Amino acid sequence: MYRGVLIEESLENLGVLGLLRQLSTDVVKLAAPADAQPGQWTLITFEVDDTDAANVANQLGDALVDGPWYVDFKNGGHSYVVFADHVFDCRSGDSATLDAAKNHARGRGIPDGTRSNGPRDIERLL
């Protein structure tokens, strides 16, 4: 089972939420959101079955707003890091793919140390 947190405001197509087992929803206010991001986020903690993870990653990528947004979800040492224009399939110990995901995040304007409901630092993707 994979688990992750997504920001509802990052989605262009909310229909993708039907693919997720939603566990909880929280609303947080940000003191200093990044450019092009709202000051309030709706955080959805979700799970995805192992057999559906790759498909859900691609569907999430299609549903994300093009901009400084990403979704990541994990199962032990395996993580999907999803952007509107690319899905990274990261395995523990695969530093090249993880570094590529981090650099991609920075290139899309996602600052190191981005916070939502706790740390979402791109340095801590796995």
Protein backbone atom coordinates (compact mmCIF):
# COMPACT_ATOMS: atom_id res chain seq x y z
CA MET A 1 0.00 0.00 0.00
CA TYR A 2 1.30 3.44 -0.95
CA ARG A 3 0.53 6.51 1.12
CA GLY A 4 0.86 10.19 0.32
CA VAL A 5 -0.50 13.68 0.80
CA LEU A 6 -1.70 15.91 -1.98
CA ILE A 7 -2.82 19.50 -2.05
CA GLU A 8 -6.29 19.77 -3.54
CA GLU A 9 -5.55 23.25 -4.90
CA SER A 10 -2.78 21.72 -7.02
CA LEU A 11 -5.31 19.76 -9.06
CA GLU A 12 -6.78 21.00 -12.31
CA ASN A 13 -9.06 17.94 -12.52
CA LEU A 14 -10.63 16.87 -9.22
CA GLY A 15 -11.99 13.70 -10.83
CA VAL A 16 -8.66 12.01 -10.08
CA LEU A 17 -9.61 12.01 -6.39
CA GLY A 18 -11.92 9.08 -7.16
CA LEU A 19 -8.83 6.92 -7.75
CA LEU A 20 -7.60 7.45 -4.19
CA ARG A 21 -8.62 6.03 -0.84
CA GLN A 22 -8.90 9.29 1.10
CA LEU A 23 -7.92 8.91 4.76
CA SER A 24 -8.13 12.48 6.03
CA THR A 25 -8.47 16.11 4.98
CA ASP A 26 -6.87 19.09 6.70
CA VAL A 27 -6.85 22.78 5.84
CA VAL A 28 -3.71 24.80 6.54
CA LYS A 29 -2.85 28.45 6.06
CA LEU A 30 0.60 29.34 4.78
CA ALA A 31 2.41 32.43 5.99
CA ALA A 32 4.51 32.70 2.82
CA PRO A 33 3.23 30.60 -0.10
CA ALA A 34 5.38 30.26 -3.21
CA ASP A 35 4.51 32.34 -6.25
CA ALA A 36 1.35 31.11 -8.03
CA GLN A 37 0.19 29.20 -4.93
CA PRO A 38 -2.76 30.12 -2.72
CA GLY A 39 -2.35 31.00 0.95
CA GLN A 40 -4.62 28.17 2.09
CA TRP A 41 -4.17 24.51 1.18
CA THR A 42 -6.52 21.57 1.54
CA LEU A 43 -4.33 18.55 2.33
CA ILE A 44 -5.67 15.12 1.49
CA THR A 45 -3.90 12.11 2.96
CA PHE A 46 -4.51 9.11 0.73
CA GLU A 47 -3.62 5.50 0.01
CA VAL A 48 -3.24 3.64 -3.26
CA ASP A 49 -3.04 -0.12 -3.76
CA ASP A 50 0.32 -1.43 -4.95
CA THR A 51 -1.18 -2.73 -8.18
CA ASP A 52 -2.66 0.70 -9.04
CA ALA A 53 0.28 2.92 -8.09
CA ALA A 54 1.87 3.43 -11.53
CA ASN A 55 -1.49 4.18 -13.17
CA VAL A 56 -2.49 6.56 -10.37
CA ALA A 57 0.87 8.36 -10.69
CA ASN A 58 0.22 8.98 -14.38
CA GLN A 59 -3.37 10.07 -13.74
CA LEU A 60 -2.23 12.48 -11.02
CA GLY A 61 0.34 13.94 -13.42
CA ASP A 62 -2.42 14.58 -15.95
CA ALA A 63 -4.59 16.20 -13.25
CA LEU A 64 -1.98 18.56 -11.75
CA VAL A 65 -1.95 22.26 -12.52
CA ASP A 66 1.13 23.10 -14.57
CA GLY A 67 3.30 25.06 -12.17
CA PRO A 68 5.09 24.76 -8.82
CA TRP A 69 3.21 21.64 -7.68
CA TYR A 70 4.01 17.99 -7.09
CA VAL A 71 2.54 14.95 -5.39
CA ASP A 72 4.57 12.15 -3.90
CA PHE A 73 3.46 8.87 -2.44
CA LYS A 74 5.52 6.06 -0.95
CA ASN A 75 5.59 2.41 -0.05
CA GLY A 76 8.68 1.65 1.99
CA GLY A 77 11.68 2.32 -0.22
CA HIS A 78 9.68 3.06 -3.36
CA SER A 79 8.29 6.49 -4.15
CA TYR A 80 6.48 8.14 -7.04
CA VAL A 81 7.20 11.84 -7.40
CA VAL A 82 4.65 13.34 -9.76
CA PHE A 83 4.73 16.65 -11.62
CA ALA A 84 2.35 17.83 -14.34
CA ASP A 85 5.02 17.15 -16.96
CA HIS A 86 6.89 14.15 -15.53
CA VAL A 87 6.55 11.16 -13.20
CA PHE A 88 9.65 9.95 -11.38
CA ASP A 89 9.71 6.33 -10.22
CA CYS A 90 12.24 6.44 -7.37
CA ARG A 91 13.62 3.41 -5.59
CA SER A 92 15.64 3.55 -2.40
CA GLY A 93 19.31 3.83 -3.27
CA ASP A 94 18.64 5.18 -6.78
CA SER A 95 20.30 8.52 -6.18
CA ALA A 96 20.35 9.48 -9.87
CA THR A 97 16.54 9.37 -10.21
CA LEU A 98 16.03 11.03 -6.84
CA ASP A 99 18.48 13.82 -7.75
CA ALA A 100 16.69 14.26 -11.07
CA ALA A 101 13.35 14.61 -9.23
CA LYS A 102 14.83 17.18 -6.84
CA ASN A 103 16.33 19.19 -9.68
CA HIS A 104 13.08 19.01 -11.62
CA ALA A 105 11.22 20.35 -8.57
CA ARG A 106 13.61 23.26 -8.24
CA GLY A 107 13.30 23.97 -11.96
CA ARG A 108 9.52 24.18 -11.60
CA GLY A 109 9.87 26.77 -8.84
CA ILE A 110 9.30 24.48 -5.86
CA PRO A 111 11.60 25.84 -3.15
CA ASP A 112 13.63 23.64 -0.86
CA GLY A 113 11.91 23.47 2.50
CA THR A 114 8.37 23.71 1.08
CA ARG A 115 5.93 22.98 3.83
CA SER A 116 2.38 21.73 3.95
CA ASN A 117 1.26 19.64 6.92
CA GLY A 118 4.77 19.19 8.24
CA PRO A 119 7.98 19.00 6.22
CA ARG A 120 7.59 18.48 2.47
CA ASP A 121 11.19 19.35 1.76
CA ILE A 122 12.19 18.02 -1.64
CA GLU A 123 15.36 16.78 0.06
CA ARG A 124 13.19 14.28 1.97
CA LEU A 125 11.33 12.65 -0.92
CA LEU A 126 12.42 9.14 0.07
